[in-house]
PDB file of N, CA and C in Angstrom:
ATOM      1  N   UNK A   1     -27.549  17.111   4.469  1.00  0.00           N
ATOM      2  CA  UNK A   1     -28.226  17.872   4.306  1.00  0.00           C
ATOM      3  C   UNK A   1     -28.831  17.666   2.758  1.00  0.00           C
ATOM      4  N   UNK A   2     -29.788  18.672   2.057  1.00  0.00           N
ATOM      5  CA  UNK A   2     -30.845  18.341   1.283  1.00  0.00           C
ATOM      6  C   UNK A   2     -30.231  19.026  -0.111  1.00  0.00           C
ATOM      7  N   UNK A   3     -30.658  18.532  -0.931  1.00  0.00           N
ATOM      8  CA  UNK A   3     -30.240  19.474  -2.168  1.00  0.00           C
ATOM      9  C   UNK A   3     -31.462  19.730  -3.270  1.00  0.00           C
ATOM     10  N   UNK A   4     -30.904  21.201  -3.293  1.00  0.00           N
ATOM     11  CA  UNK A   4     -31.862  21.612  -3.903  1.00  0.00           C
ATOM     12  C   UNK A   4     -32.279  21.434  -5.219  1.00  0.00           C
ATOM     13  N   UNK A   5     -33.322  20.245  -5.639  1.00  0.00           N
ATOM     14  CA  UNK A   5     -32.863  20.253  -7.088  1.00  0.00           C
ATOM     15  C   UNK A   5     -34.027  21.034  -8.255  1.00  0.00           C
ATOM     16  N   UNK A   6     -34.750  22.306  -7.265  1.00  0.00           N
ATOM     17  CA  UNK A   6     -35.092  23.533  -7.612  1.00  0.00           C
ATOM     18  C   UNK A   6     -34.472  24.146  -8.324  1.00  0.00           C
ATOM     19  N   UNK A   7     -32.603  24.423  -8.188  1.00  0.00           N
ATOM     20  CA  UNK A   7     -31.514  24.635  -8.080  1.00  0.00           C
ATOM     21  C   UNK A   7     -31.533  25.645  -9.714  1.00  0.00           C
ATOM     22  N   UNK A   8     -30.825  26.700  -9.727  1.00  0.00           N
ATOM     23  CA  UNK A   8     -30.583  26.985 -11.392  1.00  0.00           C
ATOM     24  C   UNK A   8     -29.746  26.066 -12.463  1.00  0.00           C
ATOM     25  N   UNK A   9     -28.771  25.377 -11.011  1.00  0.00           N
ATOM     26  CA  UNK A   9     -28.490  24.739 -11.982  1.00  0.00           C
ATOM     27  C   UNK A   9     -28.273  23.080 -10.723  1.00  0.00           C
ATOM     28  N   UNK A  10     -28.477  22.076 -11.316  1.00  0.00           N
ATOM     29  CA  UNK A  10     -27.508  21.306 -10.115  1.00  0.00           C
ATOM     30  C   UNK A  10     -27.580  19.543 -11.656  1.00  0.00           C
ATOM     31  N   UNK A  11     -26.236  18.991 -10.354  1.00  0.00           N
ATOM     32  CA  UNK A  11     -25.917  17.503 -11.347  1.00  0.00           C
ATOM     33  C   UNK A  11     -26.164  16.487 -10.037  1.00  0.00           C
ATOM     34  N   UNK A  12     -25.893  15.551 -10.552  1.00  0.00           N
ATOM     35  CA  UNK A  12     -25.971  14.087  -9.965  1.00  0.00           C
ATOM     36  C   UNK A  12     -25.248  13.020 -10.649  1.00  0.00           C
ATOM     37  N   UNK A  13     -25.055  12.300 -10.000  1.00  0.00           N
ATOM     38  CA  UNK A  13     -24.001  11.742 -10.728  1.00  0.00           C
ATOM     39  C   UNK A  13     -23.929   9.635  -9.768  1.00  0.00           C
ATOM     40  N   UNK A  14     -23.398   8.819 -10.325  1.00  0.00           N
ATOM     41  CA  UNK A  14     -23.907   7.496  -9.249  1.00  0.00           C
ATOM     42  C   UNK A  14     -22.351   6.619 -10.539  1.00  0.00           C
ATOM     43  N   UNK A  15     -21.296   5.916  -9.934  1.00  0.00           N
ATOM     44  CA  UNK A  15     -20.366   4.872 -10.424  1.00  0.00           C
ATOM     45  C   UNK A  15     -19.897   4.036  -9.510  1.00  0.00           C
ATOM     46  N   UNK A  16     -19.312   2.927 -10.053  1.00  0.00           N
ATOM     47  CA  UNK A  16     -19.165   2.024  -9.391  1.00  0.00           C
ATOM     48  C   UNK A  16     -17.558   1.972  -9.241  1.00  0.00           C
ATOM     49  N   UNK A  17     -17.239   1.760  -8.100  1.00  0.00           N
ATOM     50  CA  UNK A  17     -16.006   1.682  -8.015  1.00  0.00           C
ATOM     51  C   UNK A  17     -15.391  -0.173  -6.926  1.00  0.00           C
ATOM     52  N   UNK A  18     -14.967  -0.268  -7.882  1.00  0.00           N
ATOM     53  CA  UNK A  18     -14.620  -2.312  -6.990  1.00  0.00           C
ATOM     54  C   UNK A  18     -13.529  -2.367  -6.212  1.00  0.00           C
ATOM     55  N   UNK A  19     -13.997  -1.812  -5.021  1.00  0.00           N
ATOM     56  CA  UNK A  19     -12.856  -1.948  -3.704  1.00  0.00           C
ATOM     57  C   UNK A  19     -14.501  -1.402  -2.880  1.00  0.00           C
ATOM     58  N   UNK A  20     -13.917  -1.852  -1.988  1.00  0.00           N
ATOM     59  CA  UNK A  20     -14.511  -1.691   0.026  1.00  0.00           C
ATOM     60  C   UNK A  20     -15.048  -0.068   0.245  1.00  0.00           C
ATOM     61  N   UNK A  21     -16.202  -0.499   0.341  1.00  0.00           N
ATOM     62  CA  UNK A  21     -16.773   1.264   0.763  1.00  0.00           C
ATOM     63  C   UNK A  21     -15.903   1.973   1.541  1.00  0.00           C
ATOM     64  N   UNK A  22     -14.961   1.009   2.675  1.00  0.00           N
ATOM     65  CA  UNK A  22     -14.200   1.452   3.720  1.00  0.00           C
ATOM     66  C   UNK A  22     -12.349   2.285   2.917  1.00  0.00           C
ATOM     67  N   UNK A  23     -12.165   1.561   1.746  1.00  0.00           N
ATOM     68  CA  UNK A  23     -11.337   2.092   0.848  1.00  0.00           C
ATOM     69  C   UNK A  23     -11.838   3.440   0.583  1.00  0.00           C
ATOM     70  N   UNK A  24     -13.131   3.601   0.215  1.00  0.00           N
ATOM     71  CA  UNK A  24     -13.556   4.320  -0.777  1.00  0.00           C
ATOM     72  C   UNK A  24     -13.216   5.703  -0.062  1.00  0.00           C
ATOM     73  N   UNK A  25     -13.630   5.513   0.758  1.00  0.00           N
ATOM     74  CA  UNK A  25     -14.145   6.568   1.900  1.00  0.00           C
ATOM     75  C   UNK A  25     -13.223   7.413   2.464  1.00  0.00           C
ATOM     76  N   UNK A  26     -11.356   6.562   2.476  1.00  0.00           N
ATOM     77  CA  UNK A  26     -10.135   6.605   2.560  1.00  0.00           C
ATOM     78  C   UNK A  26      -9.892   7.488   1.743  1.00  0.00           C
ATOM     79  N   UNK A  27     -10.003   7.401   0.613  1.00  0.00           N
ATOM     80  CA  UNK A  27      -9.487   7.927  -0.540  1.00  0.00           C
ATOM     81  C   UNK A  27      -9.793   9.524  -0.444  1.00  0.00           C
ATOM     82  N   UNK A  28     -11.427   8.981  -0.469  1.00  0.00           N
ATOM     83  CA  UNK A  28     -11.563  10.550  -0.686  1.00  0.00           C
ATOM     84  C   UNK A  28     -12.148  11.765   0.260  1.00  0.00           C
ATOM     85  N   UNK A  29     -11.938  10.776   1.196  1.00  0.00           N
ATOM     86  CA  UNK A  29     -12.098  12.063   2.567  1.00  0.00           C
ATOM     87  C   UNK A  29     -10.422  12.461   2.916  1.00  0.00           C
ATOM     88  N   UNK A  30      -9.348  12.105   1.770  1.00  0.00           N
ATOM     89  CA  UNK A  30      -8.369  12.378   2.618  1.00  0.00           C
ATOM     90  C   UNK A  30      -7.999  13.854   1.327  1.00  0.00           C
ATOM     91  N   UNK A  31      -8.124  15.232   1.893  1.00  0.00           N
ATOM     92  CA  UNK A  31      -8.248  15.891   0.845  1.00  0.00           C
ATOM     93  C   UNK A  31      -7.604  16.133   0.422  1.00  0.00           C
ATOM     94  N   UNK A  32      -6.376  16.306   0.776  1.00  0.00           N
ATOM     95  CA  UNK A  32      -5.401  16.935   1.022  1.00  0.00           C
ATOM     96  C   UNK A  32      -4.664  16.113  -0.496  1.00  0.00           C
ATOM     97  N   UNK A  33      -5.100  14.559  -0.762  1.00  0.00           N
ATOM     98  CA  UNK A  33      -4.121  14.077  -1.640  1.00  0.00           C
ATOM     99  C   UNK A  33      -5.540  13.906  -2.916  1.00  0.00           C
ATOM    100  N   UNK A  34      -6.211  15.015  -2.511  1.00  0.00           N
ATOM    101  CA  UNK A  34      -7.300  14.995  -3.925  1.00  0.00           C
ATOM    102  C   UNK A  34      -6.293  14.488  -4.981  1.00  0.00           C
ATOM    103  N   UNK A  35      -4.933  16.053  -5.482  1.00  0.00           N
ATOM    104  CA  UNK A  35      -4.786  16.178  -7.035  1.00  0.00           C
ATOM    105  C   UNK A  35      -4.005  15.002  -7.061  1.00  0.00           C
ATOM    106  N   UNK A  36      -3.622  13.643  -6.367  1.00  0.00           N
ATOM    107  CA  UNK A  36      -3.795  12.286  -7.068  1.00  0.00           C
ATOM    108  C   UNK A  36      -4.125  11.347  -7.173  1.00  0.00           C
ATOM    109  N   UNK A  37      -5.637  11.610  -7.937  1.00  0.00           N
ATOM    110  CA  UNK A  37      -6.732  11.218  -8.291  1.00  0.00           C
ATOM    111  C   UNK A  37      -7.519  11.913  -8.831  1.00  0.00           C
ATOM    112  N   UNK A  38      -7.320  13.194  -9.380  1.00  0.00           N
ATOM    113  CA  UNK A  38      -8.666  14.436  -9.660  1.00  0.00           C
ATOM    114  C   UNK A  38      -7.354  15.192 -10.612  1.00  0.00           C
ATOM    115  N   UNK A  39      -7.074  15.436 -11.403  1.00  0.00           N
ATOM    116  CA  UNK A  39      -5.774  16.080 -12.381  1.00  0.00           C
ATOM    117  C   UNK A  39      -6.357  17.432 -12.160  1.00  0.00           C
ATOM    118  N   UNK A  40      -7.771  17.849 -12.423  1.00  0.00           N
ATOM    119  CA  UNK A  40      -8.825  19.447 -12.185  1.00  0.00           C
ATOM    120  C   UNK A  40      -8.077  19.809 -11.307  1.00  0.00           C
ATOM    121  N   UNK A  41      -7.546  19.149  -9.528  1.00  0.00           N
ATOM    122  CA  UNK A  41      -7.151  19.327  -8.522  1.00  0.00           C
ATOM    123  C   UNK A  41      -5.800  20.067  -8.088  1.00  0.00           C
ATOM    124  N   UNK A  42      -5.916  21.640  -8.441  1.00  0.00           N
ATOM    125  CA  UNK A  42      -4.721  21.556  -8.363  1.00  0.00           C
ATOM    126  C   UNK A  42      -3.300  21.794  -6.828  1.00  0.00           C
ATOM    127  N   UNK A  43      -4.857  21.454  -5.749  1.00  0.00           N
ATOM    128  CA  UNK A  43      -4.205  22.286  -4.451  1.00  0.00           C
ATOM    129  C   UNK A  43      -5.840  21.974  -3.187  1.00  0.00           C
ATOM    130  N   UNK A  44      -4.972  21.465  -2.369  1.00  0.00           N
ATOM    131  CA  UNK A  44      -5.821  21.109  -1.674  1.00  0.00           C
ATOM    132  C   UNK A  44      -5.437  21.674  -0.494  1.00  0.00           C
ATOM    133  N   UNK A  45      -6.375  22.017   0.634  1.00  0.00           N
ATOM    134  CA  UNK A  45      -5.730  22.709   1.916  1.00  0.00           C
ATOM    135  C   UNK A  45      -7.202  22.551   3.547  1.00  0.00           C
ATOM    136  N   UNK A  46      -6.576  21.608   4.015  1.00  0.00           N
ATOM    137  CA  UNK A  46      -7.905  21.387   4.928  1.00  0.00           C
ATOM    138  C   UNK A  46      -7.253  22.190   6.266  1.00  0.00           C
ATOM    139  N   UNK A  47      -7.975  23.194   6.928  1.00  0.00           N
ATOM    140  CA  UNK A  47      -7.913  23.938   8.072  1.00  0.00           C
ATOM    141  C   UNK A  47      -8.807  22.828   9.117  1.00  0.00           C
ATOM    142  N   UNK A  48      -8.377  22.172   9.554  1.00  0.00           N
ATOM    143  CA  UNK A  48      -8.666  21.690  10.712  1.00  0.00           C
ATOM    144  C   UNK A  48      -9.493  19.992  10.992  1.00  0.00           C
ATOM    145  N   UNK A  49      -9.793  19.359  11.543  1.00  0.00           N
ATOM    146  CA  UNK A  49     -10.185  18.312  11.867  1.00  0.00           C
ATOM    147  C   UNK A  49     -11.390  18.197  10.575  1.00  0.00           C
ATOM    148  N   UNK A  50     -11.579  16.871  10.206  1.00  0.00           N
ATOM    149  CA  UNK A  50     -12.310  16.128   9.748  1.00  0.00           C
ATOM    150  C   UNK A  50     -13.681  16.322  10.226  1.00  0.00           C
ATOM    151  N   UNK A  51     -15.104  16.916  10.156  1.00  0.00           N
ATOM    152  CA  UNK A  51     -15.753  17.470  10.849  1.00  0.00           C
ATOM    153  C   UNK A  51     -16.489  18.797  10.578  1.00  0.00           C
ATOM    154  N   UNK A  52     -17.545  18.252  11.009  1.00  0.00           N
ATOM    155  CA  UNK A  52     -18.729  19.692  10.277  1.00  0.00           C
ATOM    156  C   UNK A  52     -18.256  20.828  10.782  1.00  0.00           C
ATOM    157  N   UNK A  53     -17.901  21.610  10.018  1.00  0.00           N
ATOM    158  CA  UNK A  53     -17.774  23.409  10.350  1.00  0.00           C
ATOM    159  C   UNK A  53     -16.140  23.560   9.995  1.00  0.00           C
ATOM    160  N   UNK A  54     -15.450  22.644   9.405  1.00  0.00           N
ATOM    161  CA  UNK A  54     -14.658  22.841   8.888  1.00  0.00           C
ATOM    162  C   UNK A  54     -13.892  23.692   7.904  1.00  0.00           C
ATOM    163  N   UNK A  55     -13.264  24.341   7.899  1.00  0.00           N
ATOM    164  CA  UNK A  55     -12.928  24.842   6.278  1.00  0.00           C
ATOM    165  C   UNK A  55     -11.704  24.314   5.423  1.00  0.00           C
ATOM    166  N   UNK A  56     -12.239  24.056   4.127  1.00  0.00           N
ATOM    167  CA  UNK A  56     -10.737  24.028   3.177  1.00  0.00           C
ATOM    168  C   UNK A  56     -11.009  24.695   2.030  1.00  0.00           C
ATOM    169  N   UNK A  57      -9.868  25.043   2.012  1.00  0.00           N
ATOM    170  CA  UNK A  57      -9.526  25.461   0.867  1.00  0.00           C
ATOM    171  C   UNK A  57      -8.652  25.119  -0.795  1.00  0.00           C
ATOM    172  N   UNK A  58      -9.099  24.916  -1.709  1.00  0.00           N
ATOM    173  CA  UNK A  58      -8.558  24.176  -3.213  1.00  0.00           C
ATOM    174  C   UNK A  58      -8.820  24.813  -4.250  1.00  0.00           C
ATOM    175  N   UNK A  59      -8.211  24.625  -5.278  1.00  0.00           N
ATOM    176  CA  UNK A  59      -7.768  25.695  -6.467  1.00  0.00           C
ATOM    177  C   UNK A  59      -7.823  24.539  -7.578  1.00  0.00           C
ATOM    178  N   UNK A  60      -9.431  24.527  -8.348  1.00  0.00           N
ATOM    179  CA  UNK A  60      -9.494  23.640  -9.529  1.00  0.00           C
ATOM    180  C   UNK A  60      -9.981  24.518 -10.423  1.00  0.00           C
ATOM    181  N   UNK A  61      -9.014  23.617 -11.703  1.00  0.00           N
ATOM    182  CA  UNK A  61      -9.225  24.528 -13.015  1.00  0.00           C
ATOM    183  C   UNK A  61      -9.172  26.472 -13.207  1.00  0.00           C
ATOM    184  N   UNK A  62      -8.624  26.495 -11.943  1.00  0.00           N
ATOM    185  CA  UNK A  62      -7.865  27.402 -11.799  1.00  0.00           C
ATOM    186  C   UNK A  62      -8.836  28.647 -10.841  1.00  0.00           C
ATOM    187  N   UNK A  63     -10.116  28.474 -10.305  1.00  0.00           N
ATOM    188  CA  UNK A  63     -10.689  29.078  -9.845  1.00  0.00           C
ATOM    189  C   UNK A  63     -10.266  28.627  -7.884  1.00  0.00           C
ATOM    190  N   UNK A  64     -10.378  29.792  -6.767  1.00  0.00           N
ATOM    191  CA  UNK A  64      -9.959  29.815  -5.786  1.00  0.00           C
ATOM    192  C   UNK A  64     -11.218  28.802  -4.948  1.00  0.00           C
ATOM    193  N   UNK A  65     -11.720  27.923  -4.251  1.00  0.00           N
ATOM    194  CA  UNK A  65     -12.759  27.864  -3.752  1.00  0.00           C
ATOM    195  C   UNK A  65     -12.650  27.302  -2.458  1.00  0.00           C
ATOM    196  N   UNK A  66     -13.284  27.875  -1.595  1.00  0.00           N
ATOM    197  CA  UNK A  66     -12.992  28.168   0.170  1.00  0.00           C
ATOM    198  C   UNK A  66     -15.005  27.289   0.225  1.00  0.00           C
ATOM    199  N   UNK A  67     -14.439  25.995   1.156  1.00  0.00           N
ATOM    200  CA  UNK A  67     -15.694  25.513   1.624  1.00  0.00           C
ATOM    201  C   UNK A  67     -15.887  25.117   2.581  1.00  0.00           C
ATOM    202  N   UNK A  68     -16.900  25.058   3.162  1.00  0.00           N
ATOM    203  CA  UNK A  68     -17.115  23.524   4.589  1.00  0.00           C
ATOM    204  C   UNK A  68     -17.873  23.268   5.025  1.00  0.00           C
ATOM    205  N   UNK A  69     -16.355  22.267   5.474  1.00  0.00           N
ATOM    206  CA  UNK A  69     -18.032  21.006   5.576  1.00  0.00           C
ATOM    207  C   UNK A  69     -18.974  20.806   6.497  1.00  0.00           C
ATOM    208  N   UNK A  70     -19.930  20.292   5.925  1.00  0.00           N
ATOM    209  CA  UNK A  70     -21.661  20.346   6.174  1.00  0.00           C
ATOM    210  C   UNK A  70     -22.544  19.462   7.191  1.00  0.00           C
ATOM    211  N   UNK A  71     -21.291  17.894   6.498  1.00  0.00           N
ATOM    212  CA  UNK A  71     -22.109  17.193   6.888  1.00  0.00           C
ATOM    213  C   UNK A  71     -20.450  15.896   6.765  1.00  0.00           C
ATOM    214  N   UNK A  72     -19.854  14.809   7.499  1.00  0.00           N
ATOM    215  CA  UNK A  72     -19.336  14.603   8.042  1.00  0.00           C
ATOM    216  C   UNK A  72     -19.860  12.294   8.543  1.00  0.00           C
ATOM    217  N   UNK A  73     -20.037  11.908   7.777  1.00  0.00           N
ATOM    218  CA  UNK A  73     -20.684  10.903   8.611  1.00  0.00           C
ATOM    219  C   UNK A  73     -19.812   9.206   7.863  1.00  0.00           C
ATOM    220  N   UNK A  74     -18.803   8.713   8.665  1.00  0.00           N
ATOM    221  CA  UNK A  74     -17.350   8.168   7.766  1.00  0.00           C
ATOM    222  C   UNK A  74     -17.950   6.736   7.889  1.00  0.00           C
ATOM    223  N   UNK A  75     -17.625   6.931   6.378  1.00  0.00           N
ATOM    224  CA  UNK A  75     -18.055   6.012   6.104  1.00  0.00           C
ATOM    225  C   UNK A  75     -19.547   5.479   4.738  1.00  0.00           C
ATOM    226  N   UNK A  76     -19.663   6.740   4.830  1.00  0.00           N
ATOM    227  CA  UNK A  76     -21.403   6.539   4.595  1.00  0.00           C
ATOM    228  C   UNK A  76     -21.736   8.216   3.384  1.00  0.00           C
ATOM    229  N   UNK A  77     -21.549   9.325   3.940  1.00  0.00           N
ATOM    230  CA  UNK A  77     -21.631  10.747   3.379  1.00  0.00           C
ATOM    231  C   UNK A  77     -21.003  11.433   3.454  1.00  0.00           C
ATOM    232  N   UNK A  78     -20.588  13.046   2.630  1.00  0.00           N
ATOM    233  CA  UNK A  78     -19.467  13.549   3.668  1.00  0.00           C
ATOM    234  C   UNK A  78     -20.318  14.812   2.403  1.00  0.00           C
ATOM    235  N   UNK A  79     -20.458  16.067   2.825  1.00  0.00           N
ATOM    236  CA  UNK A  79     -21.151  17.508   1.908  1.00  0.00           C
ATOM    237  C   UNK A  79     -20.335  18.138   2.245  1.00  0.00           C
ATOM    238  N   UNK A  80     -20.340  19.387   1.586  1.00  0.00           N
ATOM    239  CA  UNK A  80     -19.813  21.068   1.758  1.00  0.00           C
ATOM    240  C   UNK A  80     -20.129  22.040   1.186  1.00  0.00           C
ATOM    241  N   UNK A  81     -20.583  23.008   1.474  1.00  0.00           N
ATOM    242  CA  UNK A  81     -20.749  23.955   0.362  1.00  0.00           C
ATOM    243  C   UNK A  81     -19.322  24.553   0.002  1.00  0.00           C
ATOM    244  N   UNK A  82     -19.715  25.633  -0.669  1.00  0.00           N
ATOM    245  CA  UNK A  82     -18.352  26.308  -1.068  1.00  0.00           C
ATOM    246  C   UNK A  82     -18.427  27.702  -2.287  1.00  0.00           C
ATOM    247  N   UNK A  83     -17.585  28.116  -2.520  1.00  0.00           N
ATOM    248  CA  UNK A  83     -18.274  29.752  -3.472  1.00  0.00           C
ATOM    249  C   UNK A  83     -16.897  29.734  -4.272  1.00  0.00           C
ATOM    250  N   UNK A  84     -16.878  30.762  -5.080  1.00  0.00           N
ATOM    251  CA  UNK A  84     -15.998  30.924  -6.145  1.00  0.00           C
ATOM    252  C   UNK A  84     -17.028  31.705  -6.843  1.00  0.00           C
ATOM    253  N   UNK A  85     -16.466  32.762  -7.567  1.00  0.00           N
ATOM    254  CA  UNK A  85     -16.989  33.900  -8.032  1.00  0.00           C
ATOM    255  C   UNK A  85     -18.296  34.108  -8.245  1.00  0.00           C
ATOM    256  N   UNK A  86     -18.757  34.438  -6.803  1.00  0.00           N
ATOM    257  CA  UNK A  86     -20.378  34.889  -6.676  1.00  0.00           C
ATOM    258  C   UNK A  86     -20.965  33.509  -6.290  1.00  0.00           C
ATOM    259  N   UNK A  87     -20.607  32.188  -7.298  1.00  0.00           N
ATOM    260  CA  UNK A  87     -21.335  30.979  -7.779  1.00  0.00           C
ATOM    261  C   UNK A  87     -21.698  30.374  -5.820  1.00  0.00           C
ATOM    262  N   UNK A  88     -22.052  30.485  -5.245  1.00  0.00           N
ATOM    263  CA  UNK A  88     -22.587  28.941  -4.229  1.00  0.00           C
ATOM    264  C   UNK A  88     -22.612  27.736  -4.887  1.00  0.00           C
ATOM    265  N   UNK A  89     -22.392  26.241  -4.307  1.00  0.00           N
ATOM    266  CA  UNK A  89     -22.053  25.199  -4.389  1.00  0.00           C
ATOM    267  C   UNK A  89     -22.545  24.301  -3.602  1.00  0.00           C
ATOM    268  N   UNK A  90     -23.165  22.742  -3.712  1.00  0.00           N
ATOM    269  CA  UNK A  90     -23.051  22.270  -2.878  1.00  0.00           C
ATOM    270  C   UNK A  90     -22.751  20.517  -3.301  1.00  0.00           C
ATOM    271  N   UNK A  91     -22.287  20.194  -2.631  1.00  0.00           N
ATOM    272  CA  UNK A  91     -21.435  18.610  -3.006  1.00  0.00           C
ATOM    273  C   UNK A  91     -22.494  17.571  -2.212  1.00  0.00           C
ATOM    274  N   UNK A  92     -22.061  16.540  -2.281  1.00  0.00           N
ATOM    275  CA  UNK A  92     -22.370  15.736  -1.308  1.00  0.00           C
ATOM    276  C   UNK A  92     -22.258  14.382  -2.071  1.00  0.00           C
ATOM    277  N   UNK A  93     -21.569  13.947  -1.556  1.00  0.00           N
ATOM    278  CA  UNK A  93     -21.224  12.042  -1.909  1.00  0.00           C
ATOM    279  C   UNK A  93     -21.517  11.090  -0.844  1.00  0.00           C
ATOM    280  N   UNK A  94     -22.803   9.858  -1.077  1.00  0.00           N
ATOM    281  CA  UNK A  94     -22.415   8.768  -0.909  1.00  0.00           C
ATOM    282  C   UNK A  94     -22.618   7.301  -0.552  1.00  0.00           C
ATOM    283  N   UNK A  95     -21.742   6.818   0.045  1.00  0.00           N
ATOM    284  CA  UNK A  95     -20.735   5.733  -0.497  1.00  0.00           C
ATOM    285  C   UNK A  95     -21.739   4.742   0.079  1.00  0.00           C
ATOM    286  N   UNK A  96     -21.794   3.832  -0.906  1.00  0.00           N
ATOM    287  CA  UNK A  96     -23.076   2.646  -0.375  1.00  0.00           C
ATOM    288  C   UNK A  96     -22.205   1.075  -0.871  1.00  0.00           C
ATOM    289  N   UNK A  97     -22.962  -0.137  -0.571  1.00  0.00           N
ATOM    290  CA  UNK A  97     -22.352  -1.423  -0.677  1.00  0.00           C
ATOM    291  C   UNK A  97     -24.068  -1.558  -2.158  1.00  0.00           C
ATOM    292  N   UNK A  98     -23.773  -2.156  -3.003  1.00  0.00           N
ATOM    293  CA  UNK A  98     -24.685  -2.420  -3.789  1.00  0.00           C
ATOM    294  C   UNK A  98     -24.661  -4.027  -4.070  1.00  0.00           C
ATOM    295  N   UNK A  99     -25.922  -4.814  -3.224  1.00  0.00           N
ATOM    296  CA  UNK A  99     -25.802  -6.295  -3.748  1.00  0.00           C
ATOM    297  C   UNK A  99     -24.570  -7.064  -3.403  1.00  0.00           C
ATOM    298  N   UNK A 100     -23.931  -6.548  -2.415  1.00  0.00           N
ATOM    299  CA  UNK A 100     -22.455  -7.309  -2.018  1.00  0.00           C
ATOM    300  C   UNK A 100     -21.316  -6.759  -2.581  1.00  0.00           C
ATOM    301  N   UNK A 101     -22.082  -5.342  -3.094  1.00  0.00           N
ATOM    302  CA  UNK A 101     -20.656  -4.478  -4.176  1.00  0.00           C
ATOM    303  C   UNK A 101     -20.230  -3.680  -3.395  1.00  0.00           C
ATOM    304  N   UNK A 102     -19.446  -3.157  -2.973  1.00  0.00           N
ATOM    305  CA  UNK A 102     -19.060  -1.404  -2.842  1.00  0.00           C
ATOM    306  C   UNK A 102     -19.351  -0.713  -4.099  1.00  0.00           C
ATOM    307  N   UNK A 103     -19.236   0.811  -3.523  1.00  0.00           N
ATOM    308  CA  UNK A 103     -20.214   1.063  -4.423  1.00  0.00           C
ATOM    309  C   UNK A 103     -19.688   2.498  -3.900  1.00  0.00           C
ATOM    310  N   UNK A 104     -19.996   4.005  -4.867  1.00  0.00           N
ATOM    311  CA  UNK A 104     -19.862   5.471  -4.378  1.00  0.00           C
ATOM    312  C   UNK A 104     -21.206   5.877  -5.294  1.00  0.00           C
TER     313      UNK A 104
END
Protein backbone atom coordinates (compact mmCIF):
# COMPACT_ATOMS: atom_id res chain seq x y z
CA UNK A 1 0.00 0.00 0.00
CA UNK A 2 1.32 3.39 -0.93
CA UNK A 3 0.35 6.52 0.96
CA UNK A 4 -0.58 9.53 -1.17
CA UNK A 5 1.44 12.28 0.47
CA UNK A 6 -0.33 14.78 -1.82
CA UNK A 7 -3.73 13.94 -0.32
CA UNK A 8 -5.65 16.85 1.25
CA UNK A 9 -4.72 15.50 4.71
CA UNK A 10 -2.22 12.94 5.93
CA UNK A 11 -0.25 12.26 9.06
CA UNK A 12 2.73 10.19 10.05
CA UNK A 13 4.05 9.18 13.47
CA UNK A 14 6.70 6.92 14.95
CA UNK A 15 7.10 5.52 18.41
CA UNK A 16 9.54 3.30 20.22
CA UNK A 17 8.10 0.37 22.16
CA UNK A 18 10.47 -1.51 24.43
CA UNK A 19 9.15 -4.95 23.49
CA UNK A 20 9.84 -7.64 20.90
CA UNK A 21 8.34 -6.91 17.48
CA UNK A 22 6.41 -10.18 17.68
CA UNK A 23 4.66 -9.08 20.87
CA UNK A 24 3.83 -5.65 19.47
CA UNK A 25 2.42 -7.33 16.34
CA UNK A 26 0.25 -9.64 18.47
CA UNK A 27 -1.22 -6.71 20.40
CA UNK A 28 -1.76 -4.47 17.35
CA UNK A 29 -3.24 -7.21 15.15
CA UNK A 30 -5.71 -8.39 17.82
CA UNK A 31 -8.33 -5.96 16.51
CA UNK A 32 -11.11 -6.97 18.87
CA UNK A 33 -8.83 -6.12 21.85
CA UNK A 34 -7.94 -2.60 20.68
CA UNK A 35 -10.18 -0.98 23.26
CA UNK A 36 -8.01 -2.50 26.02
CA UNK A 37 -5.12 -0.18 25.07
CA UNK A 38 -6.82 2.60 23.07
CA UNK A 39 -9.54 4.37 25.06
CA UNK A 40 -10.88 6.09 21.93
CA UNK A 41 -11.89 2.76 20.39
CA UNK A 42 -15.33 1.73 21.63
CA UNK A 43 -15.92 -1.49 19.68
CA UNK A 44 -14.22 -3.58 16.98
CA UNK A 45 -15.59 -6.59 15.14
CA UNK A 46 -13.32 -8.40 12.67
CA UNK A 47 -15.51 -10.16 10.09
CA UNK A 48 -13.16 -12.94 9.01
CA UNK A 49 -9.54 -14.03 9.15
CA UNK A 50 -6.62 -11.62 9.44
CA UNK A 51 -5.96 -11.38 5.69
CA UNK A 52 -6.42 -8.91 2.84
CA UNK A 53 -10.06 -8.46 1.88
CA UNK A 54 -11.43 -9.02 5.38
CA UNK A 55 -13.59 -6.20 6.69
CA UNK A 56 -13.93 -4.97 10.22
CA UNK A 57 -16.42 -2.62 11.81
CA UNK A 58 -15.35 -0.35 14.59
CA UNK A 59 -16.45 2.68 16.50
CA UNK A 60 -14.06 5.40 17.62
CA UNK A 61 -14.85 8.86 18.93
CA UNK A 62 -18.54 8.25 18.25
CA UNK A 63 -17.92 7.49 14.56
CA UNK A 64 -18.89 4.12 13.10
CA UNK A 65 -16.24 3.00 10.62
CA UNK A 66 -16.15 0.16 8.11
CA UNK A 67 -12.61 -0.82 7.14
CA UNK A 68 -11.06 -3.41 4.84
CA UNK A 69 -7.68 -5.03 5.37
CA UNK A 70 -5.55 -4.33 2.29
CA UNK A 71 -2.17 -5.67 3.40
CA UNK A 72 -1.18 -8.16 6.10
CA UNK A 73 2.46 -9.18 6.42
CA UNK A 74 2.69 -10.79 9.88
CA UNK A 75 5.21 -9.09 12.14
CA UNK A 76 6.09 -6.52 9.48
CA UNK A 77 3.18 -4.45 8.14
CA UNK A 78 -0.58 -4.15 8.26
CA UNK A 79 -2.74 -1.70 6.34
CA UNK A 80 -6.39 -0.99 5.80
CA UNK A 81 -8.76 1.44 4.18
CA UNK A 82 -11.86 2.81 5.83
CA UNK A 83 -14.77 5.14 5.36
CA UNK A 84 -16.92 7.22 7.67
CA UNK A 85 -18.94 10.41 7.18
CA UNK A 86 -17.93 10.35 3.49
CA UNK A 87 -14.23 10.47 4.39
CA UNK A 88 -11.91 7.80 3.03
CA UNK A 89 -8.86 6.92 5.08
CA UNK A 90 -5.80 4.71 4.78
CA UNK A 91 -3.90 3.39 7.81
CA UNK A 92 -0.54 1.63 7.54
CA UNK A 93 1.42 0.31 10.49
CA UNK A 94 4.98 -0.94 10.03
CA UNK A 95 6.90 -2.88 12.65
CA UNK A 96 10.66 -3.08 12.74
CA UNK A 97 13.62 -3.54 15.02
CA UNK A 98 16.04 -0.61 15.27
CA UNK A 99 19.66 -1.27 16.21
CA UNK A 100 18.68 -4.46 18.01
CA UNK A 101 15.79 -2.67 19.74
CA UNK A 102 12.20 -3.37 18.80
CA UNK A 103 10.05 -0.56 17.49
CA UNK A 104 6.82 0.20 15.64
